[in-house]
Amino acid sequence: MKGGMGNMMKQAQMMQANMQKAQEELANIEVDGSASNGLVKVTMTCKNLVKRVNIDDSVMDDKETLEDLLVIALQDAGKKAEETANAHMSSLMPAGMKLPF
């Protein structure tokens, strides 16, 4: 019985180390979000750190539209970051086990 518990603890520690490594990797994975066929583009990491924003000159004259396009591009990038992070993290989990987030 003692050996089984020790083995479980070792597996839990390995899983924790793998999860930590995956979290670190997510900080380096970048995704792109866009709005209005790429007139506004946002690049962010899977840890939701915005790295770049690219705005086409054609939308610079209309502040309200630009603000809306920025929101849309940020939401698109955030959704892609979340999907990528979930896929990356779930690949580390044993079959049938779900992530709590």
PDB file of N, CA and C in Angstrom:
ATOM      1  N   MET A   1       0.816  -1.185   0.000  1.00  0.00           N
ATOM      2  CA  MET A   1       0.000   0.000   0.000  1.00  0.00           C
ATOM      3  C   MET A   1       0.868   1.262   0.000  1.00  0.00           C
ATOM      4  N   LYS A   2       1.969   1.237   0.758  1.00  0.00           N
ATOM      5  CA  LYS A   2       2.869   2.364   0.810  1.00  0.00           C
ATOM      6  C   LYS A   2       3.462   2.676  -0.564  1.00  0.00           C
ATOM      7  N   GLY A   3       3.850   1.652  -1.286  1.00  0.00           N
ATOM      8  CA  GLY A   3       4.427   1.831  -2.622  1.00  0.00           C
ATOM      9  C   GLY A   3       3.435   2.461  -3.584  1.00  0.00           C
ATOM     10  N   GLY A   4       2.153   2.095  -3.468  1.00  0.00           N
ATOM     11  CA  GLY A   4       1.123   2.664  -4.340  1.00  0.00           C
ATOM     12  C   GLY A   4       0.931   4.144  -4.086  1.00  0.00           C
ATOM     13  N   MET A   5       0.951   4.543  -2.817  1.00  0.00           N
ATOM     14  CA  MET A   5       0.791   5.947  -2.464  1.00  0.00           C
ATOM     15  C   MET A   5       1.999   6.749  -2.940  1.00  0.00           C
ATOM     16  N   GLY A   6       3.178   6.208  -2.770  1.00  0.00           N
ATOM     17  CA  GLY A   6       4.399   6.878  -3.229  1.00  0.00           C
ATOM     18  C   GLY A   6       4.403   7.061  -4.729  1.00  0.00           C
ATOM     19  N   ASN A   7       3.923   6.043  -5.431  1.00  0.00           N
ATOM     20  CA  ASN A   7       3.834   6.100  -6.886  1.00  0.00           C
ATOM     21  C   ASN A   7       2.846   7.183  -7.322  1.00  0.00           C
ATOM     22  N   MET A   8       1.715   7.267  -6.609  1.00  0.00           N
ATOM     23  CA  MET A   8       0.719   8.303  -6.927  1.00  0.00           C
ATOM     24  C   MET A   8       1.296   9.694  -6.698  1.00  0.00           C
ATOM     25  N   MET A   9       2.046   9.859  -5.618  1.00  0.00           N
ATOM     26  CA  MET A   9       2.659  11.157  -5.321  1.00  0.00           C
ATOM     27  C   MET A   9       3.673  11.532  -6.399  1.00  0.00           C
ATOM     28  N   LYS A  10       4.444  10.554  -6.839  1.00  0.00           N
ATOM     29  CA  LYS A  10       5.433  10.806  -7.881  1.00  0.00           C
ATOM     30  C   LYS A  10       4.739  11.218  -9.179  1.00  0.00           C
ATOM     31  N   GLN A  11       3.634  10.547  -9.516  1.00  0.00           N
ATOM     32  CA  GLN A  11       2.872  10.894 -10.718  1.00  0.00           C
ATOM     33  C   GLN A  11       2.273  12.300 -10.601  1.00  0.00           C
ATOM     34  N   ALA A  12       1.776  12.629  -9.425  1.00  0.00           N
ATOM     35  CA  ALA A  12       1.205  13.962  -9.202  1.00  0.00           C
ATOM     36  C   ALA A  12       2.274  15.033  -9.349  1.00  0.00           C
ATOM     37  N   GLN A  13       3.463  14.779  -8.843  1.00  0.00           N
ATOM     38  CA  GLN A  13       4.560  15.736  -8.972  1.00  0.00           C
ATOM     39  C   GLN A  13       4.974  15.907 -10.435  1.00  0.00           C
ATOM     40  N   MET A  14       5.007  14.801 -11.178  1.00  0.00           N
ATOM     41  CA  MET A  14       5.338  14.872 -12.597  1.00  0.00           C
ATOM     42  C   MET A  14       4.284  15.666 -13.348  1.00  0.00           C
ATOM     43  N   MET A  15       3.020  15.432 -13.022  1.00  0.00           N
ATOM     44  CA  MET A  15       1.935  16.142 -13.678  1.00  0.00           C
ATOM     45  C   MET A  15       2.029  17.646 -13.367  1.00  0.00           C
ATOM     46  N   GLN A  16       2.333  17.975 -12.122  1.00  0.00           N
ATOM     47  CA  GLN A  16       2.482  19.379 -11.727  1.00  0.00           C
ATOM     48  C   GLN A  16       3.643  20.024 -12.494  1.00  0.00           C
ATOM     49  N   ALA A  17       4.736  19.330 -12.635  1.00  0.00           N
ATOM     50  CA  ALA A  17       5.884  19.860 -13.376  1.00  0.00           C
ATOM     51  C   ALA A  17       5.525  20.065 -14.845  1.00  0.00           C
ATOM     52  N   ASN A  18       4.794  19.114 -15.413  1.00  0.00           N
ATOM     53  CA  ASN A  18       4.359  19.242 -16.810  1.00  0.00           C
ATOM     54  C   ASN A  18       3.418  20.429 -16.992  1.00  0.00           C
ATOM     55  N   MET A  19       2.523  20.632 -16.039  1.00  0.00           N
ATOM     56  CA  MET A  19       1.586  21.754 -16.116  1.00  0.00           C
ATOM     57  C   MET A  19       2.346  23.076 -16.017  1.00  0.00           C
ATOM     58  N   GLN A  20       3.328  23.150 -15.152  1.00  0.00           N
ATOM     59  CA  GLN A  20       4.131  24.367 -15.004  1.00  0.00           C
ATOM     60  C   GLN A  20       4.876  24.667 -16.303  1.00  0.00           C
ATOM     61  N   LYS A  21       5.457  23.635 -16.900  1.00  0.00           N
ATOM     62  CA  LYS A  21       6.179  23.802 -18.158  1.00  0.00           C
ATOM     63  C   LYS A  21       5.223  24.278 -19.255  1.00  0.00           C
ATOM     64  N   ALA A  22       4.035  23.702 -19.295  1.00  0.00           N
ATOM     65  CA  ALA A  22       3.049  24.097 -20.302  1.00  0.00           C
ATOM     66  C   ALA A  22       2.637  25.555 -20.107  1.00  0.00           C
ATOM     67  N   GLN A  23       2.463  25.990 -18.862  1.00  0.00           N
ATOM     68  CA  GLN A  23       2.121  27.385 -18.584  1.00  0.00           C
ATOM     69  C   GLN A  23       3.217  28.321 -19.104  1.00  0.00           C
ATOM     70  N   GLU A  24       4.457  27.939 -18.905  1.00  0.00           N
ATOM     71  CA  GLU A  24       5.578  28.740 -19.397  1.00  0.00           C
ATOM     72  C   GLU A  24       5.585  28.789 -20.923  1.00  0.00           C
ATOM     73  N   GLU A  25       5.274  27.667 -21.560  1.00  0.00           N
ATOM     74  CA  GLU A  25       5.221  27.619 -23.026  1.00  0.00           C
ATOM     75  C   GLU A  25       4.117  28.518 -23.555  1.00  0.00           C
ATOM     76  N   LEU A  26       2.974  28.558 -22.866  1.00  0.00           N
ATOM     77  CA  LEU A  26       1.850  29.384 -23.308  1.00  0.00           C
ATOM     78  C   LEU A  26       2.219  30.866 -23.332  1.00  0.00           C
ATOM     79  N   ALA A  27       3.141  31.271 -22.490  1.00  0.00           N
ATOM     80  CA  ALA A  27       3.562  32.669 -22.466  1.00  0.00           C
ATOM     81  C   ALA A  27       4.310  33.044 -23.748  1.00  0.00           C
ATOM     82  N   ASN A  28       4.785  32.031 -24.487  1.00  0.00           N
ATOM     83  CA  ASN A  28       5.535  32.285 -25.718  1.00  0.00           C
ATOM     84  C   ASN A  28       4.746  32.001 -26.991  1.00  0.00           C
ATOM     85  N   ILE A  29       3.590  31.392 -26.862  1.00  0.00           N
ATOM     86  CA  ILE A  29       2.770  31.095 -28.039  1.00  0.00           C
ATOM     87  C   ILE A  29       1.925  32.324 -28.364  1.00  0.00           C
ATOM     88  N   GLU A  30       2.015  32.784 -29.609  1.00  0.00           N
ATOM     89  CA  GLU A  30       1.272  33.965 -30.031  1.00  0.00           C
ATOM     90  C   GLU A  30       0.139  33.592 -30.973  1.00  0.00           C
ATOM     91  N   VAL A  31      -0.968  34.315 -30.857  1.00  0.00           N
ATOM     92  CA  VAL A  31      -2.112  34.155 -31.745  1.00  0.00           C
ATOM     93  C   VAL A  31      -2.481  35.531 -32.283  1.00  0.00           C
ATOM     94  N   ASP A  32      -3.147  35.538 -33.428  1.00  0.00           N
ATOM     95  CA  ASP A  32      -3.569  36.787 -34.060  1.00  0.00           C
ATOM     96  C   ASP A  32      -5.082  36.874 -34.083  1.00  0.00           C
ATOM     97  N   GLY A  33      -5.582  38.051 -33.766  1.00  0.00           N
ATOM     98  CA  GLY A  33      -6.996  38.356 -33.901  1.00  0.00           C
ATOM     99  C   GLY A  33      -7.130  39.493 -34.883  1.00  0.00           C
ATOM    100  N   SER A  34      -8.262  39.526 -35.585  1.00  0.00           N
ATOM    101  CA  SER A  34      -8.434  40.601 -36.564  1.00  0.00           C
ATOM    102  C   SER A  34      -9.890  41.030 -36.635  1.00  0.00           C
ATOM    103  N   ALA A  35     -10.071  42.192 -37.241  1.00  0.00           N
ATOM    104  CA  ALA A  35     -11.414  42.734 -37.448  1.00  0.00           C
ATOM    105  C   ALA A  35     -11.472  43.356 -38.836  1.00  0.00           C
ATOM    106  N   SER A  36     -12.639  43.286 -39.410  1.00  0.00           N
ATOM    107  CA  SER A  36     -12.915  43.907 -40.707  1.00  0.00           C
ATOM    108  C   SER A  36     -11.882  43.514 -41.761  1.00  0.00           C
ATOM    109  N   ASN A  37     -11.774  42.214 -41.992  1.00  0.00           N
ATOM    110  CA  ASN A  37     -10.856  41.662 -43.001  1.00  0.00           C
ATOM    111  C   ASN A  37      -9.424  42.117 -42.829  1.00  0.00           C
ATOM    112  N   GLY A  38      -8.985  42.234 -41.578  1.00  0.00           N
ATOM    113  CA  GLY A  38      -7.597  42.551 -41.309  1.00  0.00           C
ATOM    114  C   GLY A  38      -7.259  44.030 -41.244  1.00  0.00           C
ATOM    115  N   LEU A  39      -8.268  44.893 -41.260  1.00  0.00           N
ATOM    116  CA  LEU A  39      -7.968  46.325 -41.135  1.00  0.00           C
ATOM    117  C   LEU A  39      -7.362  46.628 -39.766  1.00  0.00           C
ATOM    118  N   VAL A  40      -7.750  45.870 -38.758  1.00  0.00           N
ATOM    119  CA  VAL A  40      -7.147  45.958 -37.433  1.00  0.00           C
ATOM    120  C   VAL A  40      -6.732  44.548 -37.036  1.00  0.00           C
ATOM    121  N   LYS A  41      -5.461  44.409 -36.651  1.00  0.00           N
ATOM    122  CA  LYS A  41      -4.924  43.113 -36.232  1.00  0.00           C
ATOM    123  C   LYS A  41      -4.279  43.257 -34.862  1.00  0.00           C
ATOM    124  N   VAL A  42      -4.476  42.247 -34.023  1.00  0.00           N
ATOM    125  CA  VAL A  42      -3.891  42.215 -32.685  1.00  0.00           C
ATOM    126  C   VAL A  42      -3.171  40.887 -32.518  1.00  0.00           C
ATOM    127  N   THR A  43      -1.952  40.942 -32.026  1.00  0.00           N
ATOM    128  CA  THR A  43      -1.188  39.739 -31.704  1.00  0.00           C
ATOM    129  C   THR A  43      -1.012  39.701 -30.198  1.00  0.00           C
ATOM    130  N   MET A  44      -1.378  38.558 -29.605  1.00  0.00           N
ATOM    131  CA  MET A  44      -1.207  38.390 -28.159  1.00  0.00           C
ATOM    132  C   MET A  44      -0.726  36.989 -27.854  1.00  0.00           C
ATOM    133  N   THR A  45      -0.164  36.835 -26.656  1.00  0.00           N
ATOM    134  CA  THR A  45       0.267  35.514 -26.219  1.00  0.00           C
ATOM    135  C   THR A  45      -0.946  34.772 -25.644  1.00  0.00           C
ATOM    136  N   CYS A  46      -0.763  33.495 -25.425  1.00  0.00           N
ATOM    137  CA  CYS A  46      -1.833  32.697 -24.816  1.00  0.00           C
ATOM    138  C   CYS A  46      -1.969  32.977 -23.325  1.00  0.00           C
ATOM    139  N   LYS A  47      -1.175  33.900 -22.810  1.00  0.00           N
ATOM    140  CA  LYS A  47      -1.322  34.383 -21.438  1.00  0.00           C
ATOM    141  C   LYS A  47      -1.944  35.789 -21.457  1.00  0.00           C
ATOM    142  N   ASN A  48      -2.532  36.150 -22.610  1.00  0.00           N
ATOM    143  CA  ASN A  48      -3.266  37.404 -22.813  1.00  0.00           C
ATOM    144  C   ASN A  48      -2.409  38.662 -22.709  1.00  0.00           C
ATOM    145  N   LEU A  49      -1.161  38.573 -23.090  1.00  0.00           N
ATOM    146  CA  LEU A  49      -0.292  39.732 -23.156  1.00  0.00           C
ATOM    147  C   LEU A  49      -0.287  40.225 -24.600  1.00  0.00           C
ATOM    148  N   VAL A  50      -0.791  41.441 -24.832  1.00  0.00           N
ATOM    149  CA  VAL A  50      -0.837  41.995 -26.180  1.00  0.00           C
ATOM    150  C   VAL A  50       0.582  42.385 -26.591  1.00  0.00           C
ATOM    151  N   LYS A  51       1.010  41.880 -27.746  1.00  0.00           N
ATOM    152  CA  LYS A  51       2.361  42.127 -28.237  1.00  0.00           C
ATOM    153  C   LYS A  51       2.401  43.193 -29.334  1.00  0.00           C
ATOM    154  N   ARG A  52       1.405  43.154 -30.223  1.00  0.00           N
ATOM    155  CA  ARG A  52       1.386  44.079 -31.349  1.00  0.00           C
ATOM    156  C   ARG A  52      -0.042  44.434 -31.726  1.00  0.00           C
ATOM    157  N   VAL A  53      -0.195  45.656 -32.231  1.00  0.00           N
ATOM    158  CA  VAL A  53      -1.456  46.110 -32.803  1.00  0.00           C
ATOM    159  C   VAL A  53      -1.112  46.749 -34.136  1.00  0.00           C
ATOM    160  N   ASN A  54      -1.820  46.325 -35.179  1.00  0.00           N
ATOM    161  CA  ASN A  54      -1.599  46.871 -36.510  1.00  0.00           C
ATOM    162  C   ASN A  54      -2.917  47.458 -36.993  1.00  0.00           C
ATOM    163  N   ILE A  55      -2.882  48.751 -37.355  1.00  0.00           N
ATOM    164  CA  ILE A  55      -4.094  49.450 -37.786  1.00  0.00           C
ATOM    165  C   ILE A  55      -3.869  49.988 -39.189  1.00  0.00           C
ATOM    166  N   ASP A  56      -4.755  49.627 -40.101  1.00  0.00           N
ATOM    167  CA  ASP A  56      -4.691  50.128 -41.464  1.00  0.00           C
ATOM    168  C   ASP A  56      -4.996  51.629 -41.469  1.00  0.00           C
ATOM    169  N   ASP A  57      -4.300  52.359 -42.308  1.00  0.00           N
ATOM    170  CA  ASP A  57      -4.491  53.815 -42.392  1.00  0.00           C
ATOM    171  C   ASP A  57      -5.926  54.213 -42.734  1.00  0.00           C
ATOM    172  N   SER A  58      -6.639  53.355 -43.448  1.00  0.00           N
ATOM    173  CA  SER A  58      -7.989  53.706 -43.901  1.00  0.00           C
ATOM    174  C   SER A  58      -9.001  53.867 -42.770  1.00  0.00           C
ATOM    175  N   VAL A  59      -8.710  53.356 -41.580  1.00  0.00           N
ATOM    176  CA  VAL A  59      -9.651  53.488 -40.462  1.00  0.00           C
ATOM    177  C   VAL A  59      -9.211  54.529 -39.436  1.00  0.00           C
ATOM    178  N   MET A  60      -8.146  55.240 -39.724  1.00  0.00           N
ATOM    179  CA  MET A  60      -7.612  56.214 -38.777  1.00  0.00           C
ATOM    180  C   MET A  60      -8.486  57.467 -38.649  1.00  0.00           C
ATOM    181  N   ASP A  61      -9.311  57.757 -39.638  1.00  0.00           N
ATOM    182  CA  ASP A  61     -10.124  58.981 -39.624  1.00  0.00           C
ATOM    183  C   ASP A  61     -11.394  58.862 -38.798  1.00  0.00           C
ATOM    184  N   ASP A  62     -11.838  57.645 -38.531  1.00  0.00           N
ATOM    185  CA  ASP A  62     -13.107  57.447 -37.827  1.00  0.00           C
ATOM    186  C   ASP A  62     -12.831  56.816 -36.463  1.00  0.00           C
ATOM    187  N   LYS A  63     -12.748  57.658 -35.442  1.00  0.00           N
ATOM    188  CA  LYS A  63     -12.386  57.209 -34.094  1.00  0.00           C
ATOM    189  C   LYS A  63     -13.339  56.147 -33.563  1.00  0.00           C
ATOM    190  N   GLU A  64     -14.624  56.348 -33.714  1.00  0.00           N
ATOM    191  CA  GLU A  64     -15.613  55.407 -33.177  1.00  0.00           C
ATOM    192  C   GLU A  64     -15.496  54.036 -33.847  1.00  0.00           C
ATOM    193  N   THR A  65     -15.338  54.029 -35.141  1.00  0.00           N
ATOM    194  CA  THR A  65     -15.175  52.761 -35.863  1.00  0.00           C
ATOM    195  C   THR A  65     -13.877  52.080 -35.452  1.00  0.00           C
ATOM    196  N   LEU A  66     -12.815  52.850 -35.331  1.00  0.00           N
ATOM    197  CA  LEU A  66     -11.532  52.290 -34.917  1.00  0.00           C
ATOM    198  C   LEU A  66     -11.631  51.650 -33.535  1.00  0.00           C
ATOM    199  N   GLU A  67     -12.301  52.319 -32.613  1.00  0.00           N
ATOM    200  CA  GLU A  67     -12.481  51.757 -31.276  1.00  0.00           C
ATOM    201  C   GLU A  67     -13.241  50.442 -31.328  1.00  0.00           C
ATOM    202  N   ASP A  68     -14.299  50.398 -32.143  1.00  0.00           N
ATOM    203  CA  ASP A  68     -15.075  49.163 -32.284  1.00  0.00           C
ATOM    204  C   ASP A  68     -14.236  48.047 -32.888  1.00  0.00           C
ATOM    205  N   LEU A  69     -13.440  48.377 -33.899  1.00  0.00           N
ATOM    206  CA  LEU A  69     -12.601  47.365 -34.548  1.00  0.00           C
ATOM    207  C   LEU A  69     -11.518  46.846 -33.602  1.00  0.00           C
ATOM    208  N   LEU A  70     -10.988  47.717 -32.766  1.00  0.00           N
ATOM    209  CA  LEU A  70     -10.007  47.272 -31.773  1.00  0.00           C
ATOM    210  C   LEU A  70     -10.629  46.288 -30.784  1.00  0.00           C
ATOM    211  N   VAL A  71     -11.822  46.583 -30.335  1.00  0.00           N
ATOM    212  CA  VAL A  71     -12.512  45.675 -29.407  1.00  0.00           C
ATOM    213  C   VAL A  71     -12.734  44.319 -30.065  1.00  0.00           C
ATOM    214  N   ILE A  72     -13.194  44.336 -31.297  1.00  0.00           N
ATOM    215  CA  ILE A  72     -13.463  43.086 -32.019  1.00  0.00           C
ATOM    216  C   ILE A  72     -12.172  42.287 -32.202  1.00  0.00           C
ATOM    217  N   ALA A  73     -11.093  42.946 -32.605  1.00  0.00           N
ATOM    218  CA  ALA A  73      -9.815  42.256 -32.819  1.00  0.00           C
ATOM    219  C   ALA A  73      -9.270  41.690 -31.505  1.00  0.00           C
ATOM    220  N   LEU A  74      -9.398  42.450 -30.429  1.00  0.00           N
ATOM    221  CA  LEU A  74      -8.944  41.961 -29.118  1.00  0.00           C
ATOM    222  C   LEU A  74      -9.759  40.754 -28.662  1.00  0.00           C
ATOM    223  N   GLN A  75     -11.062  40.808 -28.868  1.00  0.00           N
ATOM    224  CA  GLN A  75     -11.912  39.673 -28.494  1.00  0.00           C
ATOM    225  C   GLN A  75     -11.572  38.442 -29.333  1.00  0.00           C
ATOM    226  N   ASP A  76     -11.320  38.650 -30.618  1.00  0.00           N
ATOM    227  CA  ASP A  76     -10.962  37.543 -31.500  1.00  0.00           C
ATOM    228  C   ASP A  76      -9.642  36.910 -31.051  1.00  0.00           C
ATOM    229  N   ALA A  77      -8.654  37.743 -30.758  1.00  0.00           N
ATOM    230  CA  ALA A  77      -7.364  37.222 -30.292  1.00  0.00           C
ATOM    231  C   ALA A  77      -7.520  36.517 -28.947  1.00  0.00           C
ATOM    232  N   GLY A  78      -8.320  37.078 -28.048  1.00  0.00           N
ATOM    233  CA  GLY A  78      -8.542  36.456 -26.744  1.00  0.00           C
ATOM    234  C   GLY A  78      -9.186  35.088 -26.863  1.00  0.00           C
ATOM    235  N   LYS A  79     -10.159  34.983 -27.763  1.00  0.00           N
ATOM    236  CA  LYS A  79     -10.836  33.694 -27.980  1.00  0.00           C
ATOM    237  C   LYS A  79      -9.847  32.659 -28.528  1.00  0.00           C
ATOM    238  N   LYS A  80      -9.040  33.074 -29.493  1.00  0.00           N
ATOM    239  CA  LYS A  80      -8.051  32.153 -30.064  1.00  0.00           C
ATOM    240  C   LYS A  80      -7.002  31.752 -29.034  1.00  0.00           C
ATOM    241  N   ALA A  81      -6.602  32.699 -28.185  1.00  0.00           N
ATOM    242  CA  ALA A  81      -5.627  32.390 -27.128  1.00  0.00           C
ATOM    243  C   ALA A  81      -6.203  31.366 -26.160  1.00  0.00           C
ATOM    244  N   GLU A  82      -7.458  31.547 -25.788  1.00  0.00           N
ATOM    245  CA  GLU A  82      -8.108  30.614 -24.862  1.00  0.00           C
ATOM    246  C   GLU A  82      -8.226  29.222 -25.479  1.00  0.00           C
ATOM    247  N   GLU A  83      -8.652  29.158 -26.744  1.00  0.00           N
ATOM    248  CA  GLU A  83      -8.784  27.865 -27.423  1.00  0.00           C
ATOM    249  C   GLU A  83      -7.430  27.163 -27.534  1.00  0.00           C
ATOM    250  N   THR A  84      -6.408  27.920 -27.886  1.00  0.00           N
ATOM    251  CA  THR A  84      -5.066  27.354 -28.015  1.00  0.00           C
ATOM    252  C   THR A  84      -4.560  26.860 -26.666  1.00  0.00           C
ATOM    253  N   ALA A  85      -4.762  27.659 -25.622  1.00  0.00           N
ATOM    254  CA  ALA A  85      -4.319  27.271 -24.280  1.00  0.00           C
ATOM    255  C   ALA A  85      -5.047  26.015 -23.809  1.00  0.00           C
ATOM    256  N   ASN A  86      -6.352  25.957 -24.023  1.00  0.00           N
ATOM    257  CA  ASN A  86      -7.116  24.775 -23.607  1.00  0.00           C
ATOM    258  C   ASN A  86      -6.646  23.526 -24.336  1.00  0.00           C
ATOM    259  N   ALA A  87      -6.403  23.647 -25.636  1.00  0.00           N
ATOM    260  CA  ALA A  87      -5.925  22.497 -26.414  1.00  0.00           C
ATOM    261  C   ALA A  87      -4.544  22.060 -25.929  1.00  0.00           C
ATOM    262  N   HIS A  88      -3.696  23.030 -25.663  1.00  0.00           N
ATOM    263  CA  HIS A  88      -2.330  22.736 -25.210  1.00  0.00           C
ATOM    264  C   HIS A  88      -2.353  22.055 -23.842  1.00  0.00           C
ATOM    265  N   MET A  89      -3.136  22.572 -22.931  1.00  0.00           N
ATOM    266  CA  MET A  89      -3.184  22.025 -21.575  1.00  0.00           C
ATOM    267  C   MET A  89      -3.894  20.668 -21.539  1.00  0.00           C
ATOM    268  N   SER A  90      -4.947  20.516 -22.331  1.00  0.00           N
ATOM    269  CA  SER A  90      -5.683  19.248 -22.299  1.00  0.00           C
ATOM    270  C   SER A  90      -4.857  18.101 -22.864  1.00  0.00           C
ATOM    271  N   SER A  91      -3.875  18.417 -23.681  1.00  0.00           N
ATOM    272  CA  SER A  91      -3.021  17.353 -24.219  1.00  0.00           C
ATOM    273  C   SER A  91      -2.150  16.738 -23.119  1.00  0.00           C
ATOM    274  N   LEU A  92      -2.022  17.425 -21.999  1.00  0.00           N
ATOM    275  CA  LEU A  92      -1.224  16.912 -20.879  1.00  0.00           C
ATOM    276  C   LEU A  92      -2.040  16.076 -19.907  1.00  0.00           C
ATOM    277  N   MET A  93      -3.349  16.153 -20.004  1.00  0.00           N
ATOM    278  CA  MET A  93      -4.221  15.487 -19.036  1.00  0.00           C
ATOM    279  C   MET A  93      -4.480  14.044 -19.463  1.00  0.00           C
ATOM    280  N   PRO A  94      -4.623  13.154 -18.502  1.00  0.00           N
ATOM    281  CA  PRO A  94      -4.985  11.772 -18.823  1.00  0.00           C
ATOM    282  C   PRO A  94      -6.359  11.733 -19.496  1.00  0.00           C
ATOM    283  N   ALA A  95      -6.581  10.736 -20.311  1.00  0.00           N
ATOM    284  CA  ALA A  95      -7.844  10.591 -21.027  1.00  0.00           C
ATOM    285  C   ALA A  95      -9.021  10.604 -20.062  1.00  0.00           C
ATOM    286  N   GLY A  96     -10.036  11.368 -20.400  1.00  0.00           N
ATOM    287  CA  GLY A  96     -11.251  11.434 -19.589  1.00  0.00           C
ATOM    288  C   GLY A  96     -11.208  12.466 -18.479  1.00  0.00           C
ATOM    289  N   MET A  97     -10.046  13.012 -18.205  1.00  0.00           N
ATOM    290  CA  MET A  97      -9.944  14.015 -17.141  1.00  0.00           C
ATOM    291  C   MET A  97     -10.123  15.401 -17.765  1.00  0.00           C
ATOM    292  N   LYS A  98     -10.976  16.227 -17.174  1.00  0.00           N
ATOM    293  CA  LYS A  98     -11.248  17.554 -17.708  1.00  0.00           C
ATOM    294  C   LYS A  98     -10.562  18.608 -16.864  1.00  0.00           C
ATOM    295  N   LEU A  99     -10.208  19.705 -17.539  1.00  0.00           N
ATOM    296  CA  LEU A  99      -9.614  20.830 -16.832  1.00  0.00           C
ATOM    297  C   LEU A  99     -10.682  21.603 -16.096  1.00  0.00           C
ATOM    298  N   PRO A 100     -10.340  22.193 -14.950  1.00  0.00           N
ATOM    299  CA  PRO A 100     -11.325  22.935 -14.186  1.00  0.00           C
ATOM    300  C   PRO A 100     -11.602  24.326 -14.737  1.00  0.00           C
ATOM    301  N   PHE A 101     -10.929  24.758 -15.790  1.00  0.00           N
ATOM    302  CA  PHE A 101     -11.149  26.100 -16.325  1.00  0.00           C
ATOM    303  C   PHE A 101     -11.528  26.077 -17.767  1.00  0.00           C
TER     304      PHE A 101
END
